[in-house]
Amino acid sequence: MPPSPKDANGKVEVDRNPKPPKAFEVNNVNDIDKVYRILTEHMGITNISVAARDCLKYTYQGNAHLEKNELDKAISSYNAALNTGYDAQEGIVLLLRATAYLKRAFQHQEELRKSVQDLAETVPDPENLGRLYNLAAQHPSLSKPLFQKVLTDSKKQDGKFRQTKFRHGLYEYALLHAAQDALRSTQILPHHAKTWLRAGDALAELRKLKESAMYYQKAIDLDPTLRDRLEPVIERLERSQRFLDKAKGWWSSDTLRLALDVAG
């Protein structure tokens, strides 16, 4: 290492106007805002889009929440990313938000199953109900409390039925959002296999089985490595569609849809 320069009296000279180093050390760069400041303030790059910065920041935040299964926070972050108006990232953010909505739908499906099970436990056995009516007929003095019990149980059943409908509504609402985002992402990123795959997932959950199979096939066309994974799924969808076509003659569409959604 060369010695420090000294003046005529032997004292070390200190550079009063040191030049900045040609490179600078970067530590703890762990978010988009810091990267933006480095690029603009330290490197002098001034043409970076603020919208791009904010979109990426909210997208990364959403991804972190999605990984932790914090779905409400993930969706909120993706909403913020889309609201920046940075169109170059729109398709990817919609795909990510579709994934979050789909995961939320699966959470609601689990709650729906619990609600249906709870409702089923309140429905009286027909034989027991028949015995109560026979007992009331044989002992008129007992008819009032017996019928009061039946009425109370009926009110409980009605409340649980309403709760089941509410859970089912939440499930379908999340699925519709997932499908809307995924379908839009296929329009923005038509050559991206994952957009078609996610759209197929959402449509399958909505029992749009023919359409789902079409979207899965498009994903295979774009990415042949998906063939082994998706071709068995397409075959199952075709079998399910044949079953649905027959079942529509047996049950109402609402009953059939609820049964299938609970069954998964």
C-alpha atoms as a PDB file:
ATOM      1  CA  MET A   1       0.000   0.000   0.000  1.00  0.00           C
ATOM      2  CA  PRO A   2       1.602   3.349  -1.027  1.00  0.00           C
ATOM      3  CA  PRO A   3       2.441   5.796   1.806  1.00  0.00           C
ATOM      4  CA  SER A   4       0.154   8.796   2.383  1.00  0.00           C
ATOM      5  CA  PRO A   5       1.513  12.014   0.828  1.00  0.00           C
ATOM      6  CA  LYS A   6       3.194  14.441   3.230  1.00  0.00           C
ATOM      7  CA  ASP A   7       3.815  18.206   3.076  1.00  0.00           C
ATOM      8  CA  ALA A   8       7.169  19.968   3.511  1.00  0.00           C
ATOM      9  CA  ASN A   9       6.871  19.712   7.305  1.00  0.00           C
ATOM     10  CA  GLY A  10       6.268  15.967   7.210  1.00  0.00           C
ATOM     11  CA  LYS A  11       2.558  16.163   8.053  1.00  0.00           C
ATOM     12  CA  VAL A  12       0.125  13.911   6.278  1.00  0.00           C
ATOM     13  CA  GLU A  13      -1.906  15.775   3.695  1.00  0.00           C
ATOM     14  CA  VAL A  14      -5.656  15.205   3.804  1.00  0.00           C
ATOM     15  CA  ASP A  15      -7.685  15.423   0.605  1.00  0.00           C
ATOM     16  CA  ARG A  16     -10.367  18.020   1.322  1.00  0.00           C
ATOM     17  CA  ASN A  17     -12.327  17.185  -1.824  1.00  0.00           C
ATOM     18  CA  PRO A  18     -12.256  13.434  -2.204  1.00  0.00           C
ATOM     19  CA  LYS A  19     -13.622  12.087  -5.453  1.00  0.00           C
ATOM     20  CA  PRO A  20     -16.464   9.573  -5.229  1.00  0.00           C
ATOM     21  CA  PRO A  21     -15.451   5.970  -5.786  1.00  0.00           C
ATOM     22  CA  LYS A  22     -16.124   4.462  -9.168  1.00  0.00           C
ATOM     23  CA  ALA A  23     -18.208   1.751  -7.508  1.00  0.00           C
ATOM     24  CA  PHE A  24     -20.204   1.750  -4.298  1.00  0.00           C
ATOM     25  CA  GLU A  25     -21.032  -0.952  -1.846  1.00  0.00           C
ATOM     26  CA  VAL A  26     -24.696  -1.984  -1.624  1.00  0.00           C
ATOM     27  CA  ASN A  27     -25.904  -3.568   1.593  1.00  0.00           C
ATOM     28  CA  ASN A  28     -29.353  -4.666   2.778  1.00  0.00           C
ATOM     29  CA  VAL A  29     -31.098  -4.170  -0.561  1.00  0.00           C
ATOM     30  CA  ASN A  30     -34.238  -6.109   0.252  1.00  0.00           C
ATOM     31  CA  ASP A  31     -37.113  -4.141  -1.260  1.00  0.00           C
ATOM     32  CA  ILE A  32     -38.137  -2.333  -4.427  1.00  0.00           C
ATOM     33  CA  ASP A  33     -37.949   1.151  -2.881  1.00  0.00           C
ATOM     34  CA  LYS A  34     -34.271   0.689  -2.034  1.00  0.00           C
ATOM     35  CA  VAL A  35     -33.516  -0.550  -5.544  1.00  0.00           C
ATOM     36  CA  TYR A  36     -35.327   2.465  -6.959  1.00  0.00           C
ATOM     37  CA  ARG A  37     -33.320   4.860  -4.813  1.00  0.00           C
ATOM     38  CA  ILE A  38     -30.050   3.194  -5.803  1.00  0.00           C
ATOM     39  CA  LEU A  39     -30.873   3.444  -9.486  1.00  0.00           C
ATOM     40  CA  THR A  40     -32.090   7.034  -9.369  1.00  0.00           C
ATOM     41  CA  GLU A  41     -30.021   8.673  -6.622  1.00  0.00           C
ATOM     42  CA  HIS A  42     -26.747   6.758  -6.781  1.00  0.00           C
ATOM     43  CA  MET A  43     -26.601   5.722 -10.411  1.00  0.00           C
ATOM     44  CA  GLY A  44     -28.324   8.762 -11.868  1.00  0.00           C
ATOM     45  CA  ILE A  45     -30.923   6.831 -13.890  1.00  0.00           C
ATOM     46  CA  THR A  46     -33.913   9.145 -14.052  1.00  0.00           C
ATOM     47  CA  ASN A  47     -36.232   7.571 -16.616  1.00  0.00           C
ATOM     48  CA  ILE A  48     -37.531   4.762 -14.394  1.00  0.00           C
ATOM     49  CA  SER A  49     -41.334   4.594 -14.199  1.00  0.00           C
ATOM     50  CA  VAL A  50     -42.771   5.237 -10.753  1.00  0.00           C
ATOM     51  CA  ALA A  51     -45.785   3.145 -11.771  1.00  0.00           C
ATOM     52  CA  ALA A  52     -43.473   0.240 -12.615  1.00  0.00           C
ATOM     53  CA  ARG A  53     -41.742   0.582  -9.268  1.00  0.00           C
ATOM     54  CA  ASP A  54     -45.004   0.596  -7.323  1.00  0.00           C
ATOM     55  CA  CYS A  55     -46.490  -2.243  -9.354  1.00  0.00           C
ATOM     56  CA  LEU A  56     -43.494  -4.471  -8.706  1.00  0.00           C
ATOM     57  CA  LYS A  57     -43.439  -3.527  -5.029  1.00  0.00           C
ATOM     58  CA  TYR A  58     -47.101  -4.459  -4.495  1.00  0.00           C
ATOM     59  CA  THR A  59     -46.712  -7.600  -6.592  1.00  0.00           C
ATOM     60  CA  TYR A  60     -43.792  -8.821  -4.468  1.00  0.00           C
ATOM     61  CA  GLN A  61     -45.758  -8.025  -1.329  1.00  0.00           C
ATOM     62  CA  GLY A  62     -48.678 -10.014  -2.684  1.00  0.00           C
ATOM     63  CA  ASN A  63     -46.417 -12.953  -3.485  1.00  0.00           C
ATOM     64  CA  ALA A  64     -45.065 -12.951   0.065  1.00  0.00           C
ATOM     65  CA  HIS A  65     -48.599 -12.984   1.486  1.00  0.00           C
ATOM     66  CA  LEU A  66     -49.679 -15.685  -0.964  1.00  0.00           C
ATOM     67  CA  GLU A  67     -46.791 -17.903   0.099  1.00  0.00           C
ATOM     68  CA  LYS A  68     -47.899 -17.537   3.726  1.00  0.00           C
ATOM     69  CA  ASN A  69     -51.523 -18.256   2.733  1.00  0.00           C
ATOM     70  CA  GLU A  70     -52.547 -14.739   3.824  1.00  0.00           C
ATOM     71  CA  LEU A  71     -55.053 -14.555   1.010  1.00  0.00           C
ATOM     72  CA  ASP A  72     -56.909 -11.355   1.914  1.00  0.00           C
ATOM     73  CA  LYS A  73     -53.630  -9.465   2.170  1.00  0.00           C
ATOM     74  CA  ALA A  74     -52.354 -11.038  -1.054  1.00  0.00           C
ATOM     75  CA  ILE A  75     -55.464 -10.001  -2.972  1.00  0.00           C
ATOM     76  CA  SER A  76     -55.277  -6.494  -1.508  1.00  0.00           C
ATOM     77  CA  SER A  77     -51.637  -6.174  -2.644  1.00  0.00           C
ATOM     78  CA  TYR A  78     -52.456  -7.413  -6.139  1.00  0.00           C
ATOM     79  CA  ASN A  79     -55.335  -4.926  -6.296  1.00  0.00           C
ATOM     80  CA  ALA A  80     -52.875  -2.152  -5.444  1.00  0.00           C
ATOM     81  CA  ALA A  81     -50.476  -3.401  -8.122  1.00  0.00           C
ATOM     82  CA  LEU A  82     -53.198  -3.296 -10.767  1.00  0.00           C
ATOM     83  CA  ASN A  83     -54.310   0.154  -9.641  1.00  0.00           C
ATOM     84  CA  THR A  84     -50.872   1.582 -10.500  1.00  0.00           C
ATOM     85  CA  GLY A  85     -51.839   1.368 -14.157  1.00  0.00           C
ATOM     86  CA  TYR A  86     -48.595  -0.324 -15.189  1.00  0.00           C
ATOM     87  CA  ASP A  87     -49.948  -2.319 -18.124  1.00  0.00           C
ATOM     88  CA  ALA A  88     -46.768  -4.288 -18.811  1.00  0.00           C
ATOM     89  CA  GLN A  89     -47.328  -6.325 -15.642  1.00  0.00           C
ATOM     90  CA  GLU A  90     -51.123  -6.600 -15.778  1.00  0.00           C
ATOM     91  CA  GLY A  91     -51.330 -10.147 -17.158  1.00  0.00           C
ATOM     92  CA  ILE A  92     -48.945 -11.571 -14.557  1.00  0.00           C
ATOM     93  CA  VAL A  93     -50.685  -9.793 -11.670  1.00  0.00           C
ATOM     94  CA  LEU A  94     -54.089 -11.030 -12.845  1.00  0.00           C
ATOM     95  CA  LEU A  95     -52.718 -14.571 -12.989  1.00  0.00           C
ATOM     96  CA  LEU A  96     -51.398 -14.248  -9.441  1.00  0.00           C
ATOM     97  CA  ARG A  97     -54.647 -12.760  -8.167  1.00  0.00           C
ATOM     98  CA  ALA A  98     -56.570 -15.590  -9.847  1.00  0.00           C
ATOM     99  CA  THR A  99     -54.397 -18.040  -7.911  1.00  0.00           C
ATOM    100  CA  ALA A 100     -55.162 -16.230  -4.649  1.00  0.00           C
ATOM    101  CA  TYR A 101     -58.910 -16.227  -5.348  1.00  0.00           C
ATOM    102  CA  LEU A 102     -58.804 -19.915  -6.229  1.00  0.00           C
ATOM    103  CA  LYS A 103     -57.053 -20.724  -2.960  1.00  0.00           C
ATOM    104  CA  ARG A 104     -59.622 -18.608  -1.125  1.00  0.00           C
ATOM    105  CA  ALA A 105     -62.387 -20.592  -2.847  1.00  0.00           C
ATOM    106  CA  PHE A 106     -60.877 -23.823  -1.550  1.00  0.00           C
ATOM    107  CA  GLN A 107     -60.883 -22.382   1.974  1.00  0.00           C
ATOM    108  CA  HIS A 108     -64.571 -21.493   1.603  1.00  0.00           C
ATOM    109  CA  GLN A 109     -65.224 -24.999   0.272  1.00  0.00           C
ATOM    110  CA  GLU A 110     -63.837 -26.506   3.474  1.00  0.00           C
ATOM    111  CA  GLU A 111     -66.097 -24.238   5.540  1.00  0.00           C
ATOM    112  CA  LEU A 112     -69.023 -25.192   3.289  1.00  0.00           C
ATOM    113  CA  ARG A 113     -68.429 -28.877   3.941  1.00  0.00           C
ATOM    114  CA  LYS A 114     -68.430 -28.274   7.697  1.00  0.00           C
ATOM    115  CA  SER A 115     -71.630 -26.260   7.391  1.00  0.00           C
ATOM    116  CA  VAL A 116     -73.368 -29.003   5.403  1.00  0.00           C
ATOM    117  CA  GLN A 117     -72.287 -31.608   7.950  1.00  0.00           C
ATOM    118  CA  ASP A 118     -73.600 -29.418  10.750  1.00  0.00           C
ATOM    119  CA  LEU A 119     -76.901 -29.015   8.903  1.00  0.00           C
ATOM    120  CA  ALA A 120     -77.192 -32.757   8.300  1.00  0.00           C
ATOM    121  CA  GLU A 121     -76.844 -33.445  12.021  1.00  0.00           C
ATOM    122  CA  THR A 122     -79.886 -31.272  12.786  1.00  0.00           C
ATOM    123  CA  VAL A 123     -82.198 -33.044  10.339  1.00  0.00           C
ATOM    124  CA  PRO A 124     -84.361 -35.474  12.350  1.00  0.00           C
ATOM    125  CA  ASP A 125     -84.544 -39.125  11.490  1.00  0.00           C
ATOM    126  CA  PRO A 126     -87.923 -39.811   9.787  1.00  0.00           C
ATOM    127  CA  GLU A 127     -88.640 -42.768  12.077  1.00  0.00           C
ATOM    128  CA  ASN A 128     -88.008 -40.707  15.211  1.00  0.00           C
ATOM    129  CA  LEU A 129     -90.197 -37.926  13.878  1.00  0.00           C
ATOM    130  CA  GLY A 130     -92.966 -40.431  13.198  1.00  0.00           C
ATOM    131  CA  ARG A 131     -92.715 -41.729  16.763  1.00  0.00           C
ATOM    132  CA  LEU A 132     -93.098 -38.199  18.123  1.00  0.00           C
ATOM    133  CA  TYR A 133     -96.304 -37.674  16.154  1.00  0.00           C
ATOM    134  CA  ASN A 134     -97.684 -41.053  17.304  1.00  0.00           C
ATOM    135  CA  LEU A 135     -96.808 -40.194  20.900  1.00  0.00           C
ATOM    136  CA  ALA A 136     -98.592 -36.848  20.601  1.00  0.00           C
ATOM    137  CA  ALA A 137    -101.654 -38.583  19.147  1.00  0.00           C
ATOM    138  CA  GLN A 138    -101.737 -41.135  21.966  1.00  0.00           C
ATOM    139  CA  HIS A 139    -101.094 -38.586  24.715  1.00  0.00           C
ATOM    140  CA  PRO A 140    -102.700 -35.237  23.804  1.00  0.00           C
ATOM    141  CA  SER A 141    -101.324 -33.617  26.954  1.00  0.00           C
ATOM    142  CA  LEU A 142     -97.829 -34.062  25.511  1.00  0.00           C
ATOM    143  CA  SER A 143     -98.654 -32.679  22.074  1.00  0.00           C
ATOM    144  CA  LYS A 144     -97.871 -29.051  22.862  1.00  0.00           C
ATOM    145  CA  PRO A 145     -94.316 -29.546  24.217  1.00  0.00           C
ATOM    146  CA  LEU A 146     -93.585 -32.123  21.487  1.00  0.00           C
ATOM    147  CA  PHE A 147     -94.704 -29.833  18.690  1.00  0.00           C
ATOM    148  CA  GLN A 148     -92.834 -26.949  20.328  1.00  0.00           C
ATOM    149  CA  LYS A 149     -89.655 -29.036  20.177  1.00  0.00           C
ATOM    150  CA  VAL A 150     -90.259 -29.815  16.492  1.00  0.00           C
ATOM    151  CA  LEU A 151     -90.797 -26.117  15.807  1.00  0.00           C
ATOM    152  CA  THR A 152     -87.610 -25.142  17.674  1.00  0.00           C
ATOM    153  CA  ASP A 153     -85.608 -27.762  15.805  1.00  0.00           C
ATOM    154  CA  SER A 154     -87.050 -26.516  12.503  1.00  0.00           C
ATOM    155  CA  LYS A 155     -85.890 -22.987  13.282  1.00  0.00           C
ATOM    156  CA  LYS A 156     -82.395 -24.285  14.032  1.00  0.00           C
ATOM    157  CA  GLN A 157     -82.403 -26.169  10.743  1.00  0.00           C
ATOM    158  CA  ASP A 158     -83.482 -23.050   8.879  1.00  0.00           C
ATOM    159  CA  GLY A 159     -80.643 -21.037  10.436  1.00  0.00           C
ATOM    160  CA  LYS A 160     -78.089 -23.672   9.509  1.00  0.00           C
ATOM    161  CA  PHE A 161     -79.509 -23.917   6.004  1.00  0.00           C
ATOM    162  CA  ARG A 162     -79.114 -20.161   5.582  1.00  0.00           C
ATOM    163  CA  GLN A 163     -75.526 -20.439   6.813  1.00  0.00           C
ATOM    164  CA  THR A 164     -74.881 -23.186   4.257  1.00  0.00           C
ATOM    165  CA  LYS A 165     -76.247 -20.998   1.458  1.00  0.00           C
ATOM    166  CA  PHE A 166     -74.056 -18.140   2.654  1.00  0.00           C
ATOM    167  CA  ARG A 167     -70.939 -20.349   2.618  1.00  0.00           C
ATOM    168  CA  HIS A 168     -71.823 -21.618  -0.819  1.00  0.00           C
ATOM    169  CA  GLY A 169     -72.213 -18.055  -2.050  1.00  0.00           C
ATOM    170  CA  LEU A 170     -68.740 -17.130  -0.768  1.00  0.00           C
ATOM    171  CA  TYR A 171     -67.271 -20.171  -2.498  1.00  0.00           C
ATOM    172  CA  GLU A 172     -68.845 -19.339  -5.850  1.00  0.00           C
ATOM    173  CA  TYR A 173     -67.983 -15.643  -5.520  1.00  0.00           C
ATOM    174  CA  ALA A 174     -64.290 -16.457  -5.108  1.00  0.00           C
ATOM    175  CA  LEU A 175     -64.410 -18.896  -8.020  1.00  0.00           C
ATOM    176  CA  LEU A 176     -66.011 -16.335 -10.305  1.00  0.00           C
ATOM    177  CA  HIS A 177     -63.281 -13.823  -9.480  1.00  0.00           C
ATOM    178  CA  ALA A 178     -60.611 -16.451 -10.120  1.00  0.00           C
ATOM    179  CA  ALA A 179     -62.148 -17.320 -13.479  1.00  0.00           C
ATOM    180  CA  GLN A 180     -62.532 -13.665 -14.475  1.00  0.00           C
ATOM    181  CA  ASP A 181     -58.887 -12.873 -13.707  1.00  0.00           C
ATOM    182  CA  ALA A 182     -57.563 -16.036 -15.335  1.00  0.00           C
ATOM    183  CA  LEU A 183     -59.602 -15.568 -18.511  1.00  0.00           C
ATOM    184  CA  ARG A 184     -58.457 -11.981 -18.790  1.00  0.00           C
ATOM    185  CA  SER A 185     -54.842 -13.072 -18.341  1.00  0.00           C
ATOM    186  CA  THR A 186     -55.189 -15.473 -21.296  1.00  0.00           C
ATOM    187  CA  GLN A 187     -56.143 -12.492 -23.449  1.00  0.00           C
ATOM    188  CA  ILE A 188     -53.173 -10.429 -22.305  1.00  0.00           C
ATOM    189  CA  LEU A 189     -50.666 -13.311 -22.305  1.00  0.00           C
ATOM    190  CA  PRO A 190     -52.017 -15.709 -24.948  1.00  0.00           C
ATOM    191  CA  HIS A 191     -48.684 -17.516 -25.302  1.00  0.00           C
ATOM    192  CA  HIS A 192     -48.252 -18.129 -21.571  1.00  0.00           C
ATOM    193  CA  ALA A 193     -49.321 -21.713 -20.733  1.00  0.00           C
ATOM    194  CA  LYS A 194     -49.908 -20.960 -17.049  1.00  0.00           C
ATOM    195  CA  THR A 195     -52.696 -18.505 -17.834  1.00  0.00           C
ATOM    196  CA  TRP A 196     -54.611 -21.207 -19.741  1.00  0.00           C
ATOM    197  CA  LEU A 197     -53.873 -23.725 -16.992  1.00  0.00           C
ATOM    198  CA  ARG A 198     -55.231 -21.447 -14.276  1.00  0.00           C
ATOM    199  CA  ALA A 199     -58.304 -20.625 -16.360  1.00  0.00           C
ATOM    200  CA  GLY A 200     -58.910 -24.348 -16.793  1.00  0.00           C
ATOM    201  CA  ASP A 201     -58.657 -24.848 -13.025  1.00  0.00           C
ATOM    202  CA  ALA A 202     -61.215 -22.129 -12.290  1.00  0.00           C
ATOM    203  CA  LEU A 203     -63.642 -23.282 -14.987  1.00  0.00           C
ATOM    204  CA  ALA A 204     -63.428 -26.873 -13.747  1.00  0.00           C
ATOM    205  CA  GLU A 205     -64.400 -25.764 -10.237  1.00  0.00           C
ATOM    206  CA  LEU A 206     -67.322 -23.838 -11.729  1.00  0.00           C
ATOM    207  CA  ARG A 207     -68.452 -27.068 -13.465  1.00  0.00           C
ATOM    208  CA  LYS A 208     -67.776 -25.559 -16.884  1.00  0.00           C
ATOM    209  CA  LEU A 209     -66.241 -28.877 -17.801  1.00  0.00           C
ATOM    210  CA  LYS A 210     -66.216 -28.649 -21.598  1.00  0.00           C
ATOM    211  CA  GLU A 211     -64.680 -25.178 -21.495  1.00  0.00           C
ATOM    212  CA  SER A 212     -62.170 -26.294 -18.859  1.00  0.00           C
ATOM    213  CA  ALA A 213     -61.007 -29.166 -21.061  1.00  0.00           C
ATOM    214  CA  MET A 214     -60.505 -26.748 -23.949  1.00  0.00           C
ATOM    215  CA  TYR A 215     -58.337 -24.456 -21.836  1.00  0.00           C
ATOM    216  CA  TYR A 216     -56.295 -27.372 -20.520  1.00  0.00           C
ATOM    217  CA  GLN A 217     -55.716 -28.559 -24.083  1.00  0.00           C
ATOM    218  CA  LYS A 218     -54.508 -25.080 -25.048  1.00  0.00           C
ATOM    219  CA  ALA A 219     -52.073 -25.169 -22.115  1.00  0.00           C
ATOM    220  CA  ILE A 220     -50.739 -28.500 -23.400  1.00  0.00           C
ATOM    221  CA  ASP A 221     -50.346 -27.067 -26.899  1.00  0.00           C
ATOM    222  CA  LEU A 222     -48.262 -24.210 -25.488  1.00  0.00           C
ATOM    223  CA  ASP A 223     -46.280 -26.387 -23.069  1.00  0.00           C
ATOM    224  CA  PRO A 224     -46.123 -30.085 -24.056  1.00  0.00           C
ATOM    225  CA  THR A 225     -44.496 -30.939 -20.713  1.00  0.00           C
ATOM    226  CA  LEU A 226     -47.973 -30.536 -19.183  1.00  0.00           C
ATOM    227  CA  ARG A 227     -49.388 -33.398 -21.273  1.00  0.00           C
ATOM    228  CA  ASP A 228     -48.811 -36.218 -18.771  1.00  0.00           C
ATOM    229  CA  ARG A 229     -50.332 -34.136 -16.004  1.00  0.00           C
ATOM    230  CA  LEU A 230     -53.363 -32.755 -17.830  1.00  0.00           C
ATOM    231  CA  GLU A 231     -54.522 -35.482 -20.219  1.00  0.00           C
ATOM    232  CA  PRO A 232     -55.859 -37.661 -17.338  1.00  0.00           C
ATOM    233  CA  VAL A 233     -57.608 -34.557 -15.983  1.00  0.00           C
ATOM    234  CA  ILE A 234     -59.254 -33.912 -19.349  1.00  0.00           C
ATOM    235  CA  GLU A 235     -60.465 -37.528 -19.468  1.00  0.00           C
ATOM    236  CA  ARG A 236     -62.000 -37.161 -15.984  1.00  0.00           C
ATOM    237  CA  LEU A 237     -63.703 -33.947 -17.045  1.00  0.00           C
ATOM    238  CA  GLU A 238     -65.250 -35.685 -20.042  1.00  0.00           C
ATOM    239  CA  ARG A 239     -66.563 -38.511 -17.835  1.00  0.00           C
ATOM    240  CA  SER A 240     -67.927 -35.994 -15.334  1.00  0.00           C
ATOM    241  CA  GLN A 241     -69.666 -34.093 -18.126  1.00  0.00           C
ATOM    242  CA  ARG A 242     -71.457 -37.266 -19.247  1.00  0.00           C
ATOM    243  CA  PHE A 243     -72.570 -37.871 -15.657  1.00  0.00           C
ATOM    244  CA  LEU A 244     -73.815 -34.290 -15.321  1.00  0.00           C
ATOM    245  CA  ASP A 245     -75.819 -34.553 -18.513  1.00  0.00           C
ATOM    246  CA  LYS A 246     -77.659 -37.541 -17.025  1.00  0.00           C
ATOM    247  CA  ALA A 247     -77.957 -36.106 -13.505  1.00  0.00           C
ATOM    248  CA  LYS A 248     -79.701 -32.953 -14.723  1.00  0.00           C
ATOM    249  CA  GLY A 249     -82.767 -35.102 -15.292  1.00  0.00           C
ATOM    250  CA  TRP A 250     -82.777 -36.300 -11.684  1.00  0.00           C
ATOM    251  CA  TRP A 251     -82.109 -33.217  -9.554  1.00  0.00           C
ATOM    252  CA  SER A 252     -82.617 -29.472  -9.730  1.00  0.00           C
ATOM    253  CA  SER A 253     -79.625 -27.465 -10.928  1.00  0.00           C
ATOM    254  CA  ASP A 254     -79.216 -25.755  -7.510  1.00  0.00           C
ATOM    255  CA  THR A 255     -79.237 -29.060  -5.601  1.00  0.00           C
ATOM    256  CA  LEU A 256     -76.851 -30.661  -8.067  1.00  0.00           C
ATOM    257  CA  ARG A 257     -74.453 -27.710  -7.973  1.00  0.00           C
ATOM    258  CA  LEU A 258     -74.377 -27.643  -4.167  1.00  0.00           C
ATOM    259  CA  ALA A 259     -73.808 -31.386  -3.966  1.00  0.00           C
ATOM    260  CA  LEU A 260     -70.946 -31.262  -6.448  1.00  0.00           C
ATOM    261  CA  ASP A 261     -69.342 -28.231  -4.796  1.00  0.00           C
ATOM    262  CA  VAL A 262     -69.408 -29.912  -1.402  1.00  0.00           C
ATOM    263  CA  ALA A 263     -68.040 -33.127  -2.843  1.00  0.00           C
ATOM    264  CA  GLY A 264     -65.288 -31.274  -4.718  1.00  0.00           C
END
